[in-house]
């Protein structure tokens, strides 16, 4: 049932699996419930699993050049980054799928972060240190792992995602954890998470 005014939701998928991906399935369910709870919501979908350009010397040079002094070539180098940042800036809510690969996040998701974490765009430096510029947004992180317990000492993905989102000003972060899927009854875990998602959206509405 729709209860609140429409929002812009940015859905970022990062799983290398298209079929049978727990993070993709849960993220899709979460977005569907968020849309159902907010009449007129707009969803922006960004799938990074096929890969994004890595930051290289040309990118760094363009980014470090004052915007008013950039050449046409430098603007072209930053064009994708500008688009990705525009998507994040326009979003009220971010739903990011985070499969845990070898204790951390996928390289494709790290590449997305490197493209959006830019001084003067999503954070700035002050005399007291960096300040995030994207305050007032809500983020949901949908994690999945085969054996790593989310929040454990060897879960490097959760703490990193919390830190980098906070770095750009997004501190209202909720975790949905489909962890240790190789060690639990997946059907039971999936049903419990579906209930959890429903409750999270109801509380946020």
N, C-alpha and C. Protein backbone atom coordinates (compact mmCIF):
# COMPACT_ATOMS: atom_id res chain seq x y z
N UNK A 1 0.85 -1.19 0.00
CA UNK A 1 0.00 0.00 0.00
C UNK A 1 0.88 1.23 0.00
N UNK A 2 0.60 2.14 -0.91
CA UNK A 2 1.40 3.36 -1.00
C UNK A 2 1.00 4.34 0.10
N UNK A 3 2.01 4.84 0.82
CA UNK A 3 1.70 5.67 1.97
C UNK A 3 2.42 7.01 1.97
N UNK A 4 3.58 7.12 1.31
CA UNK A 4 4.35 8.35 1.38
C UNK A 4 4.62 8.90 -0.01
N UNK A 5 5.13 10.12 -0.07
CA UNK A 5 5.39 10.74 -1.36
C UNK A 5 6.55 10.05 -2.06
N UNK A 6 6.58 10.21 -3.38
CA UNK A 6 7.57 9.53 -4.20
C UNK A 6 9.00 9.94 -3.92
N UNK A 7 9.91 8.99 -4.14
CA UNK A 7 11.33 9.23 -3.94
C UNK A 7 12.08 8.71 -5.16
N UNK A 8 13.32 9.16 -5.29
CA UNK A 8 14.20 8.60 -6.31
C UNK A 8 15.09 7.56 -5.64
N UNK A 9 15.04 6.36 -6.17
CA UNK A 9 15.77 5.23 -5.60
C UNK A 9 16.84 4.80 -6.60
N UNK A 10 18.09 4.77 -6.16
CA UNK A 10 19.19 4.28 -6.98
C UNK A 10 19.50 2.85 -6.57
N UNK A 11 19.35 1.92 -7.49
CA UNK A 11 19.62 0.51 -7.25
C UNK A 11 20.92 0.14 -7.95
N UNK A 12 21.91 -0.26 -7.17
CA UNK A 12 23.22 -0.62 -7.71
C UNK A 12 23.43 -2.12 -7.51
N UNK A 13 23.57 -2.85 -8.61
CA UNK A 13 23.84 -4.29 -8.54
C UNK A 13 25.30 -4.56 -8.88
N UNK A 14 25.89 -5.52 -8.15
CA UNK A 14 27.31 -5.79 -8.36
C UNK A 14 27.64 -7.27 -8.47
N UNK A 15 26.65 -8.13 -8.27
CA UNK A 15 26.94 -9.57 -8.32
C UNK A 15 27.29 -10.01 -9.73
N UNK A 16 28.31 -10.84 -9.86
CA UNK A 16 28.69 -11.39 -11.15
C UNK A 16 27.63 -12.36 -11.67
N UNK A 17 26.79 -12.85 -10.77
CA UNK A 17 25.72 -13.77 -11.17
C UNK A 17 24.47 -12.98 -11.54
N UNK A 18 23.90 -13.30 -12.69
CA UNK A 18 22.63 -12.69 -13.08
C UNK A 18 21.46 -13.53 -12.57
N UNK A 19 21.60 -14.85 -12.66
CA UNK A 19 20.55 -15.77 -12.21
C UNK A 19 20.97 -16.41 -10.89
N UNK A 20 20.04 -16.47 -9.96
CA UNK A 20 20.32 -17.12 -8.69
C UNK A 20 21.13 -16.28 -7.73
N UNK A 21 21.25 -15.00 -8.00
CA UNK A 21 22.00 -14.11 -7.10
C UNK A 21 21.13 -13.68 -5.94
N UNK A 22 21.56 -13.95 -4.74
CA UNK A 22 20.79 -13.56 -3.56
C UNK A 22 20.74 -12.04 -3.42
N UNK A 23 21.86 -11.36 -3.67
CA UNK A 23 21.85 -9.90 -3.51
C UNK A 23 20.95 -9.25 -4.55
N UNK A 24 20.96 -9.76 -5.78
CA UNK A 24 20.08 -9.20 -6.80
C UNK A 24 18.61 -9.43 -6.45
N UNK A 25 18.30 -10.64 -6.01
CA UNK A 25 16.91 -10.96 -5.68
C UNK A 25 16.41 -10.13 -4.50
N UNK A 26 17.21 -10.04 -3.45
CA UNK A 26 16.79 -9.28 -2.27
C UNK A 26 16.72 -7.79 -2.56
N UNK A 27 17.68 -7.29 -3.34
CA UNK A 27 17.65 -5.86 -3.69
C UNK A 27 16.41 -5.53 -4.51
N UNK A 28 16.06 -6.42 -5.43
CA UNK A 28 14.86 -6.21 -6.25
C UNK A 28 13.61 -6.20 -5.38
N UNK A 29 13.55 -7.11 -4.42
CA UNK A 29 12.40 -7.15 -3.51
C UNK A 29 12.34 -5.89 -2.66
N UNK A 30 13.49 -5.46 -2.17
CA UNK A 30 13.53 -4.25 -1.34
C UNK A 30 13.08 -3.03 -2.14
N UNK A 31 13.57 -2.89 -3.35
CA UNK A 31 13.17 -1.75 -4.19
C UNK A 31 11.68 -1.81 -4.49
N UNK A 32 11.17 -3.00 -4.78
CA UNK A 32 9.74 -3.14 -5.06
C UNK A 32 8.90 -2.68 -3.87
N UNK A 33 9.32 -3.06 -2.68
CA UNK A 33 8.57 -2.66 -1.47
C UNK A 33 8.71 -1.16 -1.22
N UNK A 34 9.87 -0.60 -1.48
CA UNK A 34 10.05 0.84 -1.30
C UNK A 34 9.17 1.62 -2.27
N UNK A 35 9.09 1.15 -3.50
CA UNK A 35 8.23 1.80 -4.49
C UNK A 35 6.77 1.68 -4.09
N UNK A 36 6.38 0.51 -3.60
CA UNK A 36 5.01 0.30 -3.18
C UNK A 36 4.64 1.20 -2.01
N UNK A 37 5.63 1.54 -1.19
CA UNK A 37 5.37 2.37 -0.01
C UNK A 37 5.40 3.86 -0.31
N UNK A 38 5.85 4.24 -1.50
CA UNK A 38 5.97 5.66 -1.82
C UNK A 38 5.44 5.91 -3.23
N UNK A 39 4.26 6.48 -3.30
CA UNK A 39 3.62 6.74 -4.59
C UNK A 39 4.49 7.64 -5.46
N UNK A 40 4.63 7.28 -6.72
CA UNK A 40 5.36 8.13 -7.67
C UNK A 40 6.85 8.01 -7.60
N UNK A 41 7.36 6.97 -6.97
CA UNK A 41 8.81 6.82 -6.87
C UNK A 41 9.44 6.51 -8.23
N UNK A 42 10.67 6.96 -8.39
CA UNK A 42 11.43 6.74 -9.61
C UNK A 42 12.65 5.88 -9.28
N UNK A 43 12.89 4.84 -10.08
CA UNK A 43 14.01 3.94 -9.83
C UNK A 43 15.07 4.10 -10.92
N UNK A 44 16.30 4.35 -10.50
CA UNK A 44 17.45 4.37 -11.40
C UNK A 44 18.23 3.08 -11.17
N UNK A 45 18.44 2.31 -12.20
CA UNK A 45 19.17 1.04 -12.07
C UNK A 45 20.57 1.18 -12.67
N UNK A 46 21.55 0.78 -11.90
CA UNK A 46 22.93 0.82 -12.36
C UNK A 46 23.57 -0.53 -12.05
N UNK A 47 23.85 -1.30 -13.08
CA UNK A 47 24.49 -2.61 -12.93
C UNK A 47 25.97 -2.45 -13.25
N UNK A 48 26.81 -2.66 -12.24
CA UNK A 48 28.25 -2.45 -12.44
C UNK A 48 29.00 -3.76 -12.65
N UNK A 49 28.27 -4.88 -12.66
CA UNK A 49 28.92 -6.19 -12.66
C UNK A 49 29.78 -6.44 -13.88
N UNK A 50 29.43 -5.84 -15.00
CA UNK A 50 30.23 -6.06 -16.22
C UNK A 50 31.53 -5.26 -16.21
N UNK A 51 31.67 -4.43 -15.21
CA UNK A 51 32.91 -3.68 -15.05
C UNK A 51 32.80 -2.22 -15.41
N UNK A 52 33.54 -1.40 -14.71
CA UNK A 52 33.66 0.02 -14.98
C UNK A 52 35.14 0.35 -15.16
N UNK A 53 35.44 1.44 -15.85
CA UNK A 53 36.85 1.80 -16.00
C UNK A 53 37.51 2.05 -14.63
N UNK A 54 38.72 1.56 -14.49
CA UNK A 54 39.47 1.84 -13.28
C UNK A 54 40.05 3.25 -13.36
N UNK A 55 40.26 3.85 -12.20
CA UNK A 55 40.93 5.14 -12.15
C UNK A 55 42.36 4.97 -12.67
N UNK A 56 42.74 5.84 -13.61
CA UNK A 56 44.09 5.77 -14.16
C UNK A 56 44.72 7.16 -14.13
N UNK A 57 45.90 7.29 -14.74
CA UNK A 57 46.63 8.56 -14.68
C UNK A 57 45.85 9.70 -15.33
N UNK A 58 45.21 9.42 -16.46
CA UNK A 58 44.44 10.46 -17.15
C UNK A 58 43.27 10.92 -16.29
N UNK A 59 42.61 9.96 -15.64
CA UNK A 59 41.46 10.28 -14.78
C UNK A 59 41.91 11.16 -13.61
N UNK A 60 42.99 10.75 -12.97
CA UNK A 60 43.49 11.51 -11.82
C UNK A 60 43.89 12.93 -12.25
N UNK A 61 44.56 13.04 -13.38
CA UNK A 61 44.96 14.37 -13.85
C UNK A 61 43.76 15.25 -14.14
N UNK A 62 42.73 14.68 -14.76
CA UNK A 62 41.52 15.45 -15.05
C UNK A 62 40.81 15.86 -13.77
N UNK A 63 40.72 14.92 -12.84
CA UNK A 63 40.01 15.20 -11.58
C UNK A 63 40.72 16.27 -10.76
N UNK A 64 42.03 16.28 -10.81
CA UNK A 64 42.80 17.24 -10.00
C UNK A 64 42.90 18.61 -10.66
N UNK A 65 42.47 18.71 -11.90
CA UNK A 65 42.47 20.00 -12.60
C UNK A 65 41.22 20.78 -12.23
N UNK A 66 41.36 22.08 -11.98
CA UNK A 66 40.19 22.89 -11.66
C UNK A 66 39.16 22.74 -12.79
N UNK A 67 37.88 22.55 -12.43
CA UNK A 67 36.84 22.34 -13.45
C UNK A 67 36.84 23.41 -14.54
N UNK A 68 37.12 24.66 -14.16
CA UNK A 68 37.10 25.75 -15.15
C UNK A 68 38.27 25.68 -16.12
N UNK A 69 39.28 24.88 -15.79
CA UNK A 69 40.49 24.81 -16.62
C UNK A 69 40.63 23.47 -17.35
N UNK A 70 39.67 22.59 -17.23
CA UNK A 70 39.78 21.29 -17.87
C UNK A 70 39.63 21.40 -19.38
N UNK A 71 40.38 20.59 -20.08
CA UNK A 71 40.29 20.53 -21.53
C UNK A 71 39.09 19.67 -21.92
N UNK A 72 38.76 19.70 -23.19
CA UNK A 72 37.66 18.86 -23.69
C UNK A 72 37.99 17.39 -23.46
N UNK A 73 39.24 17.02 -23.62
CA UNK A 73 39.66 15.64 -23.41
C UNK A 73 39.50 15.24 -21.94
N UNK A 74 39.83 16.15 -21.03
CA UNK A 74 39.69 15.85 -19.60
C UNK A 74 38.22 15.74 -19.21
N UNK A 75 37.39 16.59 -19.76
CA UNK A 75 35.95 16.47 -19.49
C UNK A 75 35.41 15.14 -19.98
N UNK A 76 35.92 14.69 -21.12
CA UNK A 76 35.49 13.41 -21.66
C UNK A 76 35.91 12.25 -20.76
N UNK A 77 37.10 12.36 -20.19
CA UNK A 77 37.60 11.32 -19.29
C UNK A 77 36.70 11.18 -18.06
N UNK A 78 36.17 12.31 -17.60
CA UNK A 78 35.34 12.31 -16.39
C UNK A 78 33.85 12.18 -16.68
N UNK A 79 33.48 12.00 -17.93
CA UNK A 79 32.06 12.00 -18.29
C UNK A 79 31.28 10.89 -17.57
N UNK A 80 31.82 9.68 -17.56
CA UNK A 80 31.12 8.58 -16.88
C UNK A 80 31.04 8.84 -15.38
N UNK A 81 32.14 9.29 -14.80
CA UNK A 81 32.13 9.63 -13.38
C UNK A 81 31.08 10.68 -13.07
N UNK A 82 30.97 11.70 -13.91
CA UNK A 82 29.96 12.73 -13.72
C UNK A 82 28.55 12.14 -13.75
N UNK A 83 28.32 11.19 -14.67
CA UNK A 83 27.01 10.56 -14.77
C UNK A 83 26.69 9.75 -13.53
N UNK A 84 27.66 8.97 -13.06
CA UNK A 84 27.46 8.15 -11.86
C UNK A 84 27.21 9.02 -10.64
N UNK A 85 27.95 10.11 -10.53
CA UNK A 85 27.76 11.03 -9.41
C UNK A 85 26.39 11.68 -9.48
N UNK A 86 25.96 12.04 -10.68
CA UNK A 86 24.64 12.64 -10.85
C UNK A 86 23.54 11.69 -10.37
N UNK A 87 23.71 10.40 -10.65
CA UNK A 87 22.74 9.41 -10.20
C UNK A 87 22.67 9.35 -8.68
N UNK A 88 23.83 9.37 -8.04
CA UNK A 88 23.87 9.32 -6.57
C UNK A 88 23.28 10.60 -5.98
N UNK A 89 23.64 11.74 -6.54
CA UNK A 89 23.13 13.01 -6.03
C UNK A 89 21.62 13.10 -6.14
N UNK A 90 21.06 12.56 -7.21
CA UNK A 90 19.62 12.67 -7.43
C UNK A 90 18.81 11.71 -6.57
N UNK A 91 19.48 10.72 -5.98
CA UNK A 91 18.78 9.68 -5.23
C UNK A 91 18.47 10.12 -3.80
N UNK A 92 17.27 9.80 -3.36
CA UNK A 92 16.91 9.93 -1.95
C UNK A 92 17.33 8.69 -1.19
N UNK A 93 17.25 7.54 -1.87
CA UNK A 93 17.54 6.24 -1.27
C UNK A 93 18.47 5.46 -2.20
N UNK A 94 19.49 4.83 -1.61
CA UNK A 94 20.37 3.95 -2.37
C UNK A 94 20.17 2.51 -1.88
N UNK A 95 20.03 1.59 -2.81
CA UNK A 95 19.98 0.17 -2.49
C UNK A 95 21.15 -0.47 -3.22
N UNK A 96 22.15 -0.91 -2.46
CA UNK A 96 23.39 -1.40 -3.05
C UNK A 96 23.57 -2.88 -2.71
N UNK A 97 23.68 -3.70 -3.74
CA UNK A 97 23.92 -5.12 -3.50
C UNK A 97 25.42 -5.35 -3.36
N UNK A 98 25.78 -6.10 -2.31
CA UNK A 98 27.20 -6.27 -1.99
C UNK A 98 27.50 -7.76 -1.75
N UNK A 99 27.76 -8.53 -2.80
CA UNK A 99 28.24 -9.89 -2.57
C UNK A 99 29.66 -9.82 -2.00
N UNK A 100 29.94 -10.67 -1.05
CA UNK A 100 31.27 -10.68 -0.44
C UNK A 100 32.13 -11.71 -1.17
N UNK A 101 33.16 -11.21 -1.83
CA UNK A 101 34.11 -12.06 -2.55
C UNK A 101 35.45 -12.01 -1.83
N UNK A 102 35.90 -13.15 -1.36
CA UNK A 102 37.21 -13.22 -0.69
C UNK A 102 37.33 -12.15 0.40
N UNK A 103 36.29 -12.05 1.22
CA UNK A 103 36.24 -11.20 2.41
C UNK A 103 35.97 -9.72 2.12
N UNK A 104 35.96 -9.33 0.86
CA UNK A 104 35.76 -7.93 0.52
C UNK A 104 34.68 -7.75 -0.54
N UNK A 105 34.62 -6.55 -1.11
CA UNK A 105 33.61 -6.25 -2.12
C UNK A 105 34.14 -6.59 -3.51
N UNK A 106 33.26 -6.79 -4.49
CA UNK A 106 33.72 -7.05 -5.86
C UNK A 106 34.53 -5.88 -6.42
N UNK A 107 35.46 -6.19 -7.30
CA UNK A 107 36.27 -5.14 -7.93
C UNK A 107 35.39 -4.15 -8.69
N UNK A 108 34.30 -4.64 -9.26
CA UNK A 108 33.41 -3.75 -10.02
C UNK A 108 32.74 -2.72 -9.13
N UNK A 109 32.40 -3.12 -7.91
CA UNK A 109 31.79 -2.18 -6.97
C UNK A 109 32.83 -1.18 -6.46
N UNK A 110 34.05 -1.65 -6.25
CA UNK A 110 35.13 -0.74 -5.86
C UNK A 110 35.38 0.28 -6.96
N UNK A 111 35.30 -0.15 -8.22
CA UNK A 111 35.48 0.79 -9.33
C UNK A 111 34.39 1.85 -9.32
N UNK A 112 33.15 1.46 -9.01
CA UNK A 112 32.05 2.42 -8.92
C UNK A 112 32.32 3.43 -7.80
N UNK A 113 32.77 2.95 -6.67
CA UNK A 113 33.09 3.84 -5.55
C UNK A 113 34.18 4.82 -5.94
N UNK A 114 35.21 4.33 -6.61
CA UNK A 114 36.31 5.21 -7.02
C UNK A 114 35.82 6.29 -7.99
N UNK A 115 34.81 5.96 -8.79
CA UNK A 115 34.28 6.94 -9.74
C UNK A 115 33.40 7.99 -9.06
N UNK A 116 32.76 7.65 -7.94
CA UNK A 116 31.85 8.61 -7.31
C UNK A 116 32.46 9.36 -6.13
N UNK A 117 33.54 8.86 -5.57
CA UNK A 117 34.17 9.53 -4.43
C UNK A 117 35.16 10.56 -4.96
N UNK A 118 34.67 11.77 -5.21
CA UNK A 118 35.49 12.81 -5.82
C UNK A 118 35.42 14.10 -5.01
N UNK A 119 36.61 14.62 -4.71
CA UNK A 119 36.68 15.91 -4.02
C UNK A 119 35.97 16.97 -4.84
N UNK A 120 35.27 17.85 -4.13
CA UNK A 120 34.49 18.96 -4.69
C UNK A 120 33.15 18.51 -5.24
N UNK A 121 32.97 17.19 -5.39
CA UNK A 121 31.70 16.67 -5.91
C UNK A 121 30.90 15.96 -4.84
N UNK A 122 31.50 15.00 -4.17
CA UNK A 122 30.79 14.24 -3.14
C UNK A 122 31.42 14.40 -1.75
N UNK A 123 32.58 15.01 -1.69
CA UNK A 123 33.18 15.39 -0.40
C UNK A 123 34.11 16.56 -0.65
N UNK A 124 34.46 17.24 0.42
CA UNK A 124 35.42 18.34 0.33
C UNK A 124 36.36 18.27 1.52
N UNK A 125 37.51 18.88 1.37
CA UNK A 125 38.46 18.94 2.47
C UNK A 125 38.31 20.26 3.20
N UNK A 126 38.33 20.19 4.53
CA UNK A 126 38.27 21.38 5.36
C UNK A 126 39.47 21.36 6.30
N UNK A 127 39.60 22.40 7.09
CA UNK A 127 40.73 22.44 8.04
C UNK A 127 40.60 21.37 9.11
N UNK A 128 39.40 20.82 9.24
CA UNK A 128 39.17 19.75 10.22
C UNK A 128 39.11 18.37 9.58
N UNK A 129 39.44 18.30 8.29
CA UNK A 129 39.41 17.01 7.60
C UNK A 129 38.33 16.96 6.55
N UNK A 130 38.12 15.77 5.93
CA UNK A 130 37.12 15.65 4.86
C UNK A 130 35.70 15.79 5.39
N UNK A 131 34.84 16.36 4.56
CA UNK A 131 33.43 16.55 4.89
C UNK A 131 32.59 15.98 3.75
N UNK A 132 31.68 15.07 4.06
CA UNK A 132 30.80 14.50 3.05
C UNK A 132 29.77 15.51 2.59
N UNK A 133 29.44 15.49 1.32
CA UNK A 133 28.52 16.47 0.75
C UNK A 133 27.15 15.88 0.40
N UNK A 134 26.94 14.60 0.68
CA UNK A 134 25.69 13.95 0.28
C UNK A 134 24.83 13.59 1.50
N UNK A 135 24.68 14.52 2.37
CA UNK A 135 23.90 14.28 3.59
C UNK A 135 22.41 14.17 3.26
N UNK A 136 21.66 13.54 4.17
CA UNK A 136 20.22 13.47 4.04
C UNK A 136 19.71 12.32 3.19
N UNK A 137 20.59 11.40 2.82
CA UNK A 137 20.17 10.24 2.03
C UNK A 137 20.13 8.98 2.90
N UNK A 138 19.34 8.02 2.46
CA UNK A 138 19.23 6.73 3.13
C UNK A 138 19.86 5.67 2.25
N UNK A 139 20.62 4.75 2.85
CA UNK A 139 21.22 3.67 2.08
C UNK A 139 20.89 2.32 2.72
N UNK A 140 20.59 1.36 1.86
CA UNK A 140 20.44 -0.03 2.27
C UNK A 140 21.55 -0.82 1.61
N UNK A 141 22.26 -1.62 2.39
CA UNK A 141 23.31 -2.47 1.88
C UNK A 141 22.85 -3.92 1.99
N UNK A 142 22.72 -4.59 0.85
CA UNK A 142 22.25 -5.97 0.83
C UNK A 142 23.46 -6.88 0.61
N UNK A 143 23.91 -7.52 1.69
CA UNK A 143 25.09 -8.36 1.64
C UNK A 143 24.71 -9.82 1.45
N UNK A 144 25.61 -10.58 0.83
CA UNK A 144 25.49 -12.02 0.77
C UNK A 144 26.88 -12.63 0.81
N UNK A 145 27.00 -13.73 1.52
CA UNK A 145 28.29 -14.43 1.60
C UNK A 145 28.05 -15.92 1.70
N UNK A 146 29.06 -16.67 1.29
CA UNK A 146 28.97 -18.12 1.42
C UNK A 146 29.29 -18.57 2.83
N UNK A 147 30.36 -18.00 3.41
CA UNK A 147 30.76 -18.45 4.74
C UNK A 147 31.10 -17.34 5.70
N UNK A 148 31.34 -16.13 5.21
CA UNK A 148 31.76 -15.03 6.07
C UNK A 148 30.57 -14.48 6.86
N UNK A 149 30.66 -14.44 8.20
CA UNK A 149 29.60 -13.81 8.98
C UNK A 149 29.70 -12.29 8.86
N UNK A 150 28.63 -11.64 8.45
CA UNK A 150 28.63 -10.18 8.37
C UNK A 150 28.86 -9.59 9.76
N UNK A 151 29.80 -8.67 9.84
CA UNK A 151 30.14 -8.05 11.11
C UNK A 151 31.27 -8.73 11.85
N UNK A 152 31.79 -9.82 11.30
CA UNK A 152 32.90 -10.52 11.95
C UNK A 152 34.21 -9.80 11.66
N UNK A 153 35.26 -10.21 12.37
CA UNK A 153 36.56 -9.58 12.20
C UNK A 153 37.10 -9.74 10.79
N UNK A 154 36.71 -10.81 10.10
CA UNK A 154 37.23 -11.00 8.75
C UNK A 154 36.21 -10.65 7.67
N UNK A 155 35.17 -9.93 8.06
CA UNK A 155 34.27 -9.32 7.08
C UNK A 155 34.81 -7.91 6.80
N UNK A 156 35.52 -7.77 5.71
CA UNK A 156 36.11 -6.47 5.35
C UNK A 156 35.17 -5.64 4.50
N UNK A 157 34.08 -6.24 4.04
CA UNK A 157 33.16 -5.55 3.15
C UNK A 157 32.24 -4.58 3.89
N UNK A 158 31.67 -5.04 5.00
CA UNK A 158 30.68 -4.23 5.71
C UNK A 158 31.29 -2.95 6.26
N UNK A 159 32.42 -3.08 6.95
CA UNK A 159 33.04 -1.89 7.54
C UNK A 159 33.48 -0.92 6.45
N UNK A 160 33.97 -1.45 5.34
CA UNK A 160 34.41 -0.58 4.24
C UNK A 160 33.24 0.20 3.66
N UNK A 161 32.13 -0.49 3.40
CA UNK A 161 30.97 0.18 2.81
C UNK A 161 30.40 1.24 3.76
N UNK A 162 30.34 0.93 5.05
CA UNK A 162 29.90 1.94 6.01
C UNK A 162 30.83 3.15 5.98
N UNK A 163 32.13 2.88 5.96
CA UNK A 163 33.09 3.98 6.01
C UNK A 163 33.01 4.86 4.76
N UNK A 164 32.97 4.24 3.59
CA UNK A 164 33.01 5.04 2.37
C UNK A 164 31.72 5.82 2.17
N UNK A 165 30.58 5.24 2.57
CA UNK A 165 29.33 5.99 2.48
C UNK A 165 29.33 7.16 3.46
N UNK A 166 29.83 6.92 4.66
CA UNK A 166 29.93 8.01 5.63
C UNK A 166 30.89 9.09 5.17
N UNK A 167 31.93 8.70 4.47
CA UNK A 167 32.92 9.64 3.95
C UNK A 167 32.29 10.64 2.99
N UNK A 168 31.29 10.19 2.21
CA UNK A 168 30.62 11.11 1.28
C UNK A 168 29.33 11.67 1.87
N UNK A 169 29.09 11.42 3.15
CA UNK A 169 27.99 12.07 3.85
C UNK A 169 26.76 11.23 4.09
N UNK A 170 26.77 9.96 3.68
CA UNK A 170 25.61 9.09 3.86
C UNK A 170 25.82 8.23 5.10
N UNK A 171 25.18 8.62 6.18
CA UNK A 171 25.39 7.95 7.46
C UNK A 171 24.19 7.13 7.91
N UNK A 172 23.04 7.31 7.26
CA UNK A 172 21.85 6.53 7.60
C UNK A 172 21.88 5.26 6.75
N UNK A 173 22.49 4.21 7.30
CA UNK A 173 22.75 2.99 6.54
C UNK A 173 22.16 1.79 7.26
N UNK A 174 21.39 0.99 6.53
CA UNK A 174 20.79 -0.24 7.08
C UNK A 174 21.34 -1.43 6.31
N UNK A 175 21.71 -2.47 7.04
CA UNK A 175 22.29 -3.67 6.45
C UNK A 175 21.26 -4.80 6.42
N UNK A 176 21.13 -5.43 5.28
CA UNK A 176 20.38 -6.68 5.14
C UNK A 176 21.41 -7.76 4.86
N UNK A 177 21.54 -8.73 5.75
CA UNK A 177 22.65 -9.67 5.70
C UNK A 177 22.20 -11.09 5.35
N UNK A 178 22.45 -11.49 4.12
CA UNK A 178 22.22 -12.87 3.70
C UNK A 178 23.58 -13.58 3.76
N UNK A 179 24.09 -13.73 4.97
CA UNK A 179 25.44 -14.26 5.12
C UNK A 179 25.45 -15.75 5.43
N UNK A 180 26.62 -16.36 5.24
CA UNK A 180 26.87 -17.77 5.52
C UNK A 180 25.87 -18.69 4.82
N UNK A 181 25.59 -18.40 3.56
CA UNK A 181 24.57 -19.15 2.83
C UNK A 181 24.97 -20.61 2.59
N UNK A 182 26.26 -20.91 2.65
CA UNK A 182 26.71 -22.29 2.48
C UNK A 182 26.56 -23.10 3.77
N UNK A 183 26.15 -22.42 4.83
CA UNK A 183 26.11 -23.08 6.14
C UNK A 183 24.72 -23.07 6.77
N UNK A 184 23.71 -22.61 6.04
CA UNK A 184 22.37 -22.50 6.59
C UNK A 184 21.36 -23.06 5.59
N UNK A 185 20.12 -23.20 6.02
CA UNK A 185 19.04 -23.56 5.11
C UNK A 185 18.68 -22.30 4.32
N UNK A 186 18.99 -22.27 3.03
CA UNK A 186 18.84 -21.07 2.23
C UNK A 186 17.38 -20.64 2.13
N UNK A 187 16.48 -21.58 1.99
CA UNK A 187 15.06 -21.24 1.89
C UNK A 187 14.56 -20.56 3.15
N UNK A 188 14.97 -21.08 4.31
CA UNK A 188 14.57 -20.46 5.58
C UNK A 188 15.19 -19.08 5.71
N UNK A 189 16.45 -18.96 5.34
CA UNK A 189 17.14 -17.67 5.41
C UNK A 189 16.46 -16.65 4.50
N UNK A 190 16.10 -17.09 3.30
CA UNK A 190 15.45 -16.19 2.35
C UNK A 190 14.11 -15.72 2.86
N UNK A 191 13.34 -16.61 3.47
CA UNK A 191 12.03 -16.24 4.00
C UNK A 191 12.17 -15.26 5.16
N UNK A 192 13.17 -15.49 6.01
CA UNK A 192 13.39 -14.59 7.15
C UNK A 192 13.80 -13.21 6.67
N UNK A 193 14.63 -13.15 5.63
CA UNK A 193 15.07 -11.86 5.12
C UNK A 193 13.93 -11.12 4.42
N UNK A 194 13.06 -11.86 3.76
CA UNK A 194 11.90 -11.22 3.14
C UNK A 194 11.03 -10.56 4.20
N UNK A 195 10.84 -11.23 5.31
CA UNK A 195 10.08 -10.65 6.42
C UNK A 195 10.81 -9.43 6.99
N UNK A 196 12.13 -9.54 7.12
CA UNK A 196 12.93 -8.42 7.64
C UNK A 196 12.80 -7.20 6.75
N UNK A 197 12.86 -7.42 5.43
CA UNK A 197 12.73 -6.31 4.48
C UNK A 197 11.37 -5.64 4.62
N UNK A 198 10.34 -6.44 4.73
CA UNK A 198 8.99 -5.88 4.89
C UNK A 198 8.89 -5.01 6.12
N UNK A 199 9.48 -5.48 7.21
CA UNK A 199 9.44 -4.72 8.47
C UNK A 199 10.27 -3.44 8.37
N UNK A 200 11.43 -3.52 7.70
CA UNK A 200 12.28 -2.32 7.55
C UNK A 200 11.56 -1.23 6.77
N UNK A 201 10.89 -1.62 5.69
CA UNK A 201 10.20 -0.64 4.86
C UNK A 201 8.99 -0.07 5.60
N UNK A 202 8.31 -0.91 6.36
CA UNK A 202 7.15 -0.43 7.12
C UNK A 202 7.58 0.60 8.16
N UNK A 203 8.70 0.36 8.81
CA UNK A 203 9.20 1.31 9.81
C UNK A 203 9.65 2.61 9.17
N UNK A 204 10.19 2.53 7.96
CA UNK A 204 10.70 3.72 7.29
C UNK A 204 9.60 4.56 6.65
N UNK A 205 8.46 3.95 6.41
CA UNK A 205 7.37 4.64 5.71
C UNK A 205 6.78 5.77 6.56
